[in-house]
Amino acid sequence: MTQKVAVLGTGKIGEALLSGMLRAGWNPADLLVTARRPERAKELQERHGVTPVTNAEAAKSADTLILTVKPQDMGTLLDELAPHVPTDRLVISGAAGIPTSFFEERLAQGTPVVRVMTNTPALVDEAMSVISAGSHATAEHLAHAEEIFGAVGKTLRVPESQQDACTALSGSGPAYFFYLVEAMTDAGILLGLPRDKAHDLIVQSAIGAAVMLRDSGEHPVKLRENVTSPAGTTINAIRELENHGVRAALIAALEAARDRSRELASGNS
């Protein structure tokens, strides 16, 4: 791998991506990083052997720029980068809600841009990264983005028009599961279990259920029905979930996340 890749604004997700790329065989000499604080840049260099540079230096010397700053900081970063980014650079955005057109309007005409929405399981190499092409990105650019983000999990190509929905489902998705585990843990305590035991029971059940969903090929309704015996404990619990509108609440929550992603795209902070 001889292409140089720069991660700009290297926070937790950016560092997870770097470490995944290194495990996948990338040479540390080919990986550049930028960070707002000098001590953070030095920490990344000492931990991973990568080279800290300025944003301008990254734009001049890297073949691929991965922008991982917060959405509200992206405009300022692009203003800094624009004079230094040639049209043969691939720019990958990891910012929620910001369309590729936002980058294309601020960079040189013809600059290829790929939009990626990943999620925090990148920290454990179990990310779901959703990839969309901008107006000037080719199949080769998409494949390169898949190679990079495939180091920390699965990738999926979608039309950019579906990115806001994917942000609601998978970008924010881990938080919904954490919220559910938190609520179930509280319920376990209410039922008389110590917190640590309730936590272990729920987490292992979640892992097992996830593996069954991934590997069995069965529809989730079928898997649920396999646990739900007539007049048993599970169907009584399901009835209460339905009575309290949990399904409707989840749909409303995901619609709210999608709508917020659209607001970010329109520049509403």
Protein backbone atom coordinates (compact mmCIF):
# COMPACT_ATOMS: atom_id res chain seq x y z
CA MET A 1 0.00 0.00 0.00
CA THR A 2 1.82 3.09 -1.22
CA GLN A 3 -0.94 5.69 -1.09
CA LYS A 4 -0.67 8.20 1.71
CA VAL A 5 -3.80 8.71 3.80
CA ALA A 6 -4.33 11.62 6.20
CA VAL A 7 -6.90 11.64 8.99
CA LEU A 8 -7.79 15.23 9.87
CA GLY A 9 -9.16 16.03 13.31
CA THR A 10 -8.21 12.68 14.81
CA GLY A 11 -10.58 11.93 17.69
CA LYS A 12 -11.76 8.54 18.94
CA ILE A 13 -13.28 7.40 15.65
CA GLY A 14 -10.31 8.70 13.66
CA GLU A 15 -7.89 6.88 15.94
CA ALA A 16 -9.96 3.69 15.73
CA LEU A 17 -9.74 3.95 11.94
CA LEU A 18 -5.97 4.44 12.11
CA SER A 19 -5.43 1.44 14.38
CA GLY A 20 -7.67 -0.70 12.16
CA MET A 21 -5.71 0.28 9.06
CA LEU A 22 -2.44 -0.58 10.78
CA ARG A 23 -3.77 -4.02 11.74
CA ALA A 24 -4.91 -4.46 8.13
CA GLY A 25 -1.34 -3.96 6.91
CA TRP A 26 -0.96 -0.24 6.24
CA ASN A 27 2.53 1.13 6.77
CA PRO A 28 2.62 3.78 9.54
CA ALA A 29 4.87 5.85 7.26
CA ASP A 30 1.92 6.19 4.86
CA LEU A 31 -0.48 7.50 7.51
CA LEU A 32 -0.65 11.18 8.47
CA VAL A 33 -2.71 12.74 11.25
CA THR A 34 -3.77 16.20 12.31
CA ALA A 35 -5.09 17.21 15.70
CA ARG A 36 -6.18 20.48 17.26
CA ARG A 37 -3.86 20.07 20.26
CA PRO A 38 -0.11 19.42 19.80
CA GLU A 39 -0.08 17.02 22.74
CA ARG A 40 -2.78 14.94 21.07
CA ALA A 41 -0.75 14.77 17.85
CA LYS A 42 2.32 13.66 19.80
CA GLU A 43 0.26 11.01 21.59
CA LEU A 44 -0.91 9.57 18.26
CA GLN A 45 2.64 9.54 16.94
CA GLU A 46 3.99 7.72 20.00
CA ARG A 47 1.12 5.22 20.12
CA HIS A 48 0.84 4.33 16.43
CA GLY A 49 4.03 5.52 14.73
CA VAL A 50 2.08 7.82 12.38
CA THR A 51 3.25 11.26 11.29
CA PRO A 52 1.58 14.39 12.71
CA VAL A 53 1.26 17.26 10.22
CA THR A 54 -0.71 20.47 9.77
CA ASN A 55 -3.95 20.48 7.81
CA ALA A 56 -2.26 22.29 4.93
CA GLU A 57 0.63 19.80 4.87
CA ALA A 58 -1.85 16.92 4.84
CA ALA A 59 -3.69 18.42 1.87
CA LYS A 60 -0.46 18.85 -0.08
CA SER A 61 1.09 15.43 0.56
CA ALA A 62 -1.66 12.86 1.15
CA ASP A 63 -3.49 11.07 -1.67
CA THR A 64 -6.63 10.65 0.47
CA LEU A 65 -7.96 13.07 3.08
CA ILE A 66 -10.38 11.72 5.70
CA LEU A 67 -12.17 14.58 7.45
CA THR A 68 -13.39 13.53 10.89
CA VAL A 69 -14.04 16.89 12.56
CA LYS A 70 -17.47 17.75 13.96
CA PRO A 71 -20.07 18.91 11.43
CA GLN A 72 -20.11 22.45 12.84
CA ASP A 73 -16.32 22.72 12.31
CA MET A 74 -16.29 21.41 8.75
CA GLY A 75 -16.77 24.76 7.00
CA THR A 76 -13.78 26.27 8.81
CA LEU A 77 -11.62 23.26 7.99
CA LEU A 78 -12.55 23.42 4.29
CA ASP A 79 -11.70 27.12 4.17
CA GLU A 80 -8.25 26.18 5.44
CA LEU A 81 -7.83 23.24 3.09
CA ALA A 82 -9.27 24.63 -0.15
CA PRO A 83 -6.15 26.49 -1.37
CA HIS A 84 -4.03 23.36 -0.92
CA VAL A 85 -6.21 20.48 -2.23
CA PRO A 86 -5.49 19.47 -5.86
CA THR A 87 -8.32 17.94 -7.87
CA ASP A 88 -6.66 14.52 -7.84
CA ARG A 89 -7.10 14.17 -4.07
CA LEU A 90 -9.85 11.94 -2.74
CA VAL A 91 -11.74 13.65 0.07
CA ILE A 92 -13.70 11.40 2.43
CA SER A 93 -16.15 13.03 4.82
CA GLY A 94 -17.19 11.36 8.05
CA ALA A 95 -19.45 14.22 9.17
CA ALA A 96 -23.09 13.43 9.88
CA GLY A 97 -25.65 15.26 7.79
CA ILE A 98 -23.30 17.17 5.47
CA PRO A 99 -23.85 16.37 1.75
CA THR A 100 -21.02 15.91 -0.72
CA SER A 101 -22.18 19.07 -2.51
CA PHE A 102 -21.07 21.09 0.54
CA PHE A 103 -17.49 19.95 -0.10
CA GLU A 104 -17.66 20.17 -3.88
CA GLU A 105 -18.76 23.81 -3.70
CA ARG A 106 -15.78 24.71 -1.48
CA LEU A 107 -13.04 22.69 -3.16
CA ALA A 108 -11.58 22.87 -6.67
CA GLN A 109 -13.96 21.90 -9.46
CA GLY A 110 -13.84 18.14 -10.07
CA THR A 111 -12.49 17.11 -6.66
CA PRO A 112 -13.81 13.61 -5.85
CA VAL A 113 -15.72 13.41 -2.58
CA VAL A 114 -17.03 10.30 -0.82
CA ARG A 115 -19.40 10.51 2.13
CA VAL A 116 -19.11 7.89 4.87
CA MET A 117 -21.30 7.44 7.94
CA THR A 118 -19.63 5.05 10.37
CA ASN A 119 -20.42 4.38 14.04
CA THR A 120 -18.70 3.90 17.38
CA PRO A 121 -18.31 0.08 17.14
CA ALA A 122 -15.34 1.03 14.93
CA LEU A 123 -13.56 1.09 18.29
CA VAL A 124 -13.92 -2.73 18.43
CA ASP A 125 -13.71 -3.42 14.66
CA GLU A 126 -17.47 -3.98 14.40
CA ALA A 127 -18.47 -0.75 12.67
CA MET A 128 -21.20 -0.35 10.08
CA SER A 129 -19.93 2.20 7.55
CA VAL A 130 -22.28 3.49 4.86
CA ILE A 131 -20.60 4.88 1.74
CA SER A 132 -21.94 7.24 -0.95
CA ALA A 133 -20.29 8.85 -3.97
CA GLY A 134 -20.29 12.53 -4.76
CA SER A 135 -20.62 13.90 -8.28
CA HIS A 136 -16.97 13.30 -9.24
CA ALA A 137 -16.22 10.11 -7.31
CA THR A 138 -15.63 6.97 -9.36
CA ALA A 139 -16.06 3.27 -8.57
CA GLU A 140 -12.33 3.22 -7.83
CA HIS A 141 -12.75 5.96 -5.23
CA LEU A 142 -15.60 4.03 -3.60
CA ALA A 143 -13.52 0.86 -3.54
CA HIS A 144 -10.68 2.75 -1.87
CA ALA A 145 -13.05 4.08 0.79
CA GLU A 146 -14.32 0.53 1.34
CA GLU A 147 -10.76 -0.70 1.74
CA ILE A 148 -10.09 1.90 4.43
CA PHE A 149 -13.31 1.56 6.41
CA GLY A 150 -13.41 -2.22 5.91
CA ALA A 151 -10.49 -2.33 8.34
CA VAL A 152 -12.88 -1.54 11.21
CA GLY A 153 -16.03 -3.44 10.22
CA LYS A 154 -18.57 -3.86 7.44
CA THR A 155 -19.29 -1.41 4.63
CA LEU A 156 -22.38 -0.78 2.54
CA ARG A 157 -22.81 1.41 -0.55
CA VAL A 158 -26.02 3.44 -0.75
CA PRO A 159 -27.23 6.41 -2.82
CA GLU A 160 -26.52 9.65 -0.98
CA SER A 161 -30.27 10.29 -0.77
CA GLN A 162 -30.42 7.42 1.76
CA GLN A 163 -27.63 8.69 3.99
CA ASP A 164 -29.91 10.51 6.44
CA ALA A 165 -31.92 7.33 6.99
CA CYS A 166 -28.72 5.33 7.48
CA THR A 167 -27.48 7.90 9.99
CA ALA A 168 -30.68 7.41 11.97
CA LEU A 169 -30.44 3.60 11.84
CA SER A 170 -26.76 2.74 12.16
CA GLY A 171 -24.92 6.00 12.86
CA SER A 172 -26.99 6.65 15.97
CA GLY A 173 -28.02 3.00 16.32
CA PRO A 174 -25.54 1.89 19.00
CA ALA A 175 -26.98 4.51 21.37
CA TYR A 176 -30.42 2.94 21.11
CA PHE A 177 -29.05 -0.45 22.13
CA PHE A 178 -27.11 1.09 25.03
CA TYR A 179 -30.30 2.85 26.12
CA LEU A 180 -32.22 -0.44 25.97
CA VAL A 181 -29.53 -2.28 27.98
CA GLU A 182 -29.58 0.52 30.55
CA ALA A 183 -33.36 0.18 30.94
CA MET A 184 -33.20 -3.62 31.11
CA THR A 185 -30.46 -3.44 33.74
CA ASP A 186 -32.63 -1.17 35.88
CA ALA A 187 -35.46 -3.66 35.45
CA GLY A 188 -33.17 -6.48 36.57
CA ILE A 189 -32.30 -4.56 39.72
CA LEU A 190 -35.99 -3.92 40.37
CA LEU A 191 -36.56 -7.67 40.03
CA GLY A 192 -33.96 -8.34 42.71
CA LEU A 193 -30.71 -8.96 40.82
CA PRO A 194 -27.39 -7.27 41.61
CA ARG A 195 -26.38 -4.77 38.91
CA ASP A 196 -23.33 -6.73 37.74
CA LYS A 197 -25.30 -9.94 37.29
CA ALA A 198 -28.13 -8.14 35.48
CA HIS A 199 -25.57 -6.50 33.21
CA ASP A 200 -23.85 -9.80 32.35
CA LEU A 201 -27.16 -11.53 31.63
CA ILE A 202 -28.34 -8.77 29.30
CA VAL A 203 -25.07 -8.21 27.45
CA GLN A 204 -24.56 -11.90 26.68
CA SER A 205 -28.19 -12.21 25.61
CA ALA A 206 -27.70 -9.24 23.29
CA ILE A 207 -24.53 -10.75 21.79
CA GLY A 208 -26.23 -14.09 21.27
CA ALA A 209 -29.28 -12.50 19.68
CA ALA A 210 -27.11 -10.40 17.37
CA VAL A 211 -25.13 -13.43 16.19
CA MET A 212 -28.38 -15.31 15.50
CA LEU A 213 -29.71 -12.37 13.51
CA ARG A 214 -26.48 -12.19 11.51
CA ASP A 215 -25.88 -15.90 10.92
CA SER A 216 -29.22 -17.70 10.92
CA GLY A 217 -30.77 -16.11 7.85
CA GLU A 218 -34.09 -16.06 9.69
CA HIS A 219 -36.43 -13.07 9.81
CA PRO A 220 -36.43 -11.41 13.26
CA VAL A 221 -40.15 -12.19 13.59
CA LYS A 222 -39.36 -15.90 13.22
CA LEU A 223 -36.56 -15.72 15.78
CA ARG A 224 -38.85 -13.90 18.21
CA GLU A 225 -41.63 -16.45 17.69
CA ASN A 226 -39.18 -19.24 18.53
CA VAL A 227 -38.84 -17.73 22.02
CA THR A 228 -42.54 -16.90 22.43
CA SER A 229 -44.50 -19.89 23.68
CA PRO A 230 -48.30 -19.76 24.17
CA ALA A 231 -49.34 -18.12 27.46
CA GLY A 232 -45.67 -17.93 28.48
CA THR A 233 -43.46 -15.29 30.02
CA THR A 234 -42.22 -13.80 26.75
CA ILE A 235 -45.64 -13.11 25.22
CA ASN A 236 -46.71 -11.35 28.40
CA ALA A 237 -43.65 -9.13 28.16
CA ILE A 238 -44.28 -8.46 24.45
CA ARG A 239 -47.88 -7.49 25.23
CA GLU A 240 -46.64 -4.85 27.69
CA LEU A 241 -44.15 -3.50 25.14
CA GLU A 242 -46.98 -3.16 22.62
CA ASN A 243 -49.32 -1.62 25.21
CA HIS A 244 -46.69 1.04 25.95
CA GLY A 245 -46.15 1.82 22.28
CA VAL A 246 -42.49 0.80 22.15
CA ARG A 247 -42.63 -0.02 18.43
CA ALA A 248 -44.24 3.34 17.61
CA ALA A 249 -41.75 5.14 19.86
CA LEU A 250 -38.82 3.54 18.03
CA ILE A 251 -40.21 4.58 14.64
CA ALA A 252 -40.75 8.13 15.89
CA ALA A 253 -37.23 8.22 17.37
CA LEU A 254 -35.60 7.18 14.11
CA GLU A 255 -37.66 9.69 12.16
CA ALA A 256 -36.48 12.39 14.58
CA ALA A 257 -32.84 11.35 14.06
CA ARG A 258 -33.31 11.41 10.27
CA ASP A 259 -34.92 14.86 10.43
CA ARG A 260 -32.04 16.17 12.55
CA SER A 261 -29.57 14.85 9.99
CA ARG A 262 -31.44 16.79 7.31
CA GLU A 263 -31.32 19.93 9.47
CA LEU A 264 -27.55 19.57 9.79
CA ALA A 265 -27.31 19.25 6.01
CA SER A 266 -29.22 22.52 5.59
CA GLY A 267 -26.84 24.31 7.98
CA ASN A 268 -29.06 24.50 11.06
CA SER A 269 -26.87 23.96 14.11
